Structure formats: structure tokens, C-alpha cells
Amino acid sequence: MSRQSFFGVLCGLALLILLPSLAEARIKLAALPDRADTVIRLDHPAATLIEEERVLTLQKGLNHVDFSWKGVSIDADSIRLKVLTQTDKVALLSLSYPPEEASLVWEMHAREAVEVAVRIGYLLSNIDRLIAYRGVANLDETQLQLRSFLVLRNFSGEDFDQATIFLSSSQSFPEQIQNEETKQILLFTKPAVPIRKVWTFDAGQLPWDPERLESNVGIPVVYRLENVPKAGLGAFGLWKGKVRVFQEDGHQGTIFLGEDQVQMVPVGERMEIYIGDSRDLVVTQRKMREERVNVRRNKKGQIVLYDTDELIQARLENFKDRAARLTLIQHVPGEWNMEDCNLEYRRRDANTLEFEVDLAPHSHRELVMHYHRRNVR
């Protein structure tokens, strides 16, 4: 056999060896035309789930489907494939990760040549979302025009030309976003959400007698709104995010009041937006009595347990020209029972009392709270 003929035989054998590999289906993440429907799920605060549907053309017998993601921040261990159609004709046999490659290979067996729709799901890093709110209060501070925005940031290495974005099972919308793009998307506008301006004095955090301090003591002020249908909300929970609040100035402009970070507000719960401190309301509180009673001693005459009889008085003053609602929070540690109290309250928990006190303009009210603590060590 001549050298030329021998070389031809070798080339032919090499081509026969390569033919099965060339015939294998290769589906790449970068092959955007192969992607059909894509879902971006943002309902988990720490992870983004991508679900995409593709159509695979499988030959009869064994097929190798290679899924690669070079330059894209995919959690390789999270990739899942689900066959959606022709499930009786296709079987997923195994999964392997080639060494030193950003790819995996599914081994699939088809009873006959067939096209199947599959759904590929995976966790994608460096694509996330922020929720931002913008509120404009009216002059009377009774209503808030509330707008909510989704800030979507994509630095994952992947372009999404057409996708359905899910914030929750009840919130979804179509959108497109390219790699290294940041988008701000309006989620909703509520033109007149009822609000109540509330001052909050927490006796566990603020000084009881501001007159003894050299610096002024402000009482935190919040706008309180309810996530309920009667307020124009209540269709879904309000996401955790940043709120910036403005107020109409009466001259077709607005003034900036402040900003706050709010937590998730489920349906039926209330959102409180901190807008600053006020010195128009003053709370002066003193403990008028703390006496030990029912003292118990051990055999050596040492005190081991006792009860206390305590009396607290607080003066609540409003120097404003408008009425104000003050939320007064008191803390009573340990076991206790109320002997007498001149104002109504509710118990947040076993040791926290909350008073809602309405104060007329330029007026004051008194709180007198007499309680008995038991088994103090």
C-alpha cells in the first residue's frame, strides 16, 4: 500500500471516530435563539432562580446534551433539568461535569428521534433587586402618595432579552435586561394612602427627664400606614426596602422630610416610616415610689426574694398648634400585676405596655401607673 493510500485510510478512520461526537446535541447558555420562555424569580432575598425552556432535538438512542456557561455566574450544583413533553419516550440517565470546564453533560436516551421541551433551572449570582419607595405627604399629613420601584441589577454575565420576572407568586411582569445594566421599574402608584403621624416615646430608650440634660431630646416621629384594602393596599406584602419621604410645601413643590429602611410588611400589618425627631412634644417621667414588700429571708437572715410596690408618673406635653398622637411604651420586667392605671394600654408582650395617647394642641396629660412586681431576686 502506498504512503498516500495509507494516509487516506487513517483520515477515514479518524473521521469515523469523530462522527458520533459531531452528531451530539450541544446546547450552550449563550445560544439565546434556543431559549424560549425565561423566568427570573426574585422572591428569595439571597438567591435568584432562573428557569428557562428550550426545545431539544434528540436522535434515537443515546444523546449527550452539553450545557456550558463560560463567563456566567451559575451555581453548578444547582442546575436541574426537567423534561416537559414526550416524557414516555425520553429518559434522563446520568449527569457528569467535565474536568476544568464550566459545563455539564446530560446523558439522555430517546426511544425514537423526537423533539422535547425541557425546563432548565439554576441559581444565578450577581443579579439582584432592591425595592425603593417614594412618598409625598400632603400639607395636613393625612395622606401619602406612595410609589414603589424595583431596582434590578444584572452583572451576571448573561443577557435576558425577554423574561418574566417574579417578585412573588402574585407579582410578576415581563421585562428585558442586559448584562451590566441597572433598571428602575415602577411597581405601583397609590395616590392617597391614609397615614397617621405618630410620636413614640420608649421609656427603655429615651431619658425620663429631659430637663436634666444639656442637649435637647427629640421624640422619634413616624408616618404609620396600614397594608389593608381600605387604604388602597393589601393585595400583597410590601417588600423590605428604602423609603424616602417628602411633603408638599404649598407652592407646587416639595420638601424632604427624611428616609428610612423598612422591613417586610405582610398584608394586614402596618408600616412605620421614621421621618425624624420632634421637640414639640415632651415627656417627663419619674418613679415616685419603689418599696420592698413581702421580703423573704433564708436561715441566715439574708434576703433572697422580695416584691416591690412601684408608682410611675409621666407628664405628656404638646406644644404644637395641632393635635398629636403619642405612643408611649413602658417596660415592666419580671412577674407583675397592675394595681391601678389611669390610661388604657395594650400589652405587646409579657413585659411591654403600649399606650396610645391623643394630645390636644397646647395641652398636657398625666400618666399614673401603680404596679406590683413579684419574686424579685
Foldseek 3Di string as FASTA:
>chain_A
DDPVVVVVVVVVVVVVVCVVVVPAAEDEPQPVVQWDAWEWEAQDQPWIKIKTKGKDWDAAFKHKYKYADPQFAWPVVFKDKDWDPPVVFKDFDDKADDPPGRMIIIIMHGNHGDITMMMIMTIGPFWHKAKEKEWEAEPVRFWIWIWIKIKIAAQRRAWFQWYWYHNDPVDIDIDTDGHRDIDIGTRDIDGTFTWAKEWEDEPVPFDQAQVVDPDADFTWIWIKGAQEVVRVHQPFKDAWHKYWYWYDPVPPDIHTQDMDTWHIGGRGGMTITTRDTDRQKDKHKDKPAWDWAPFDADPVRHTQWTKIKTKMKMKIWGQDQAKHKYKYKDFDDADKDWPDKPFDWDAPDPTMIIGIDIGGHGGMDMIMTIMMHGGDD
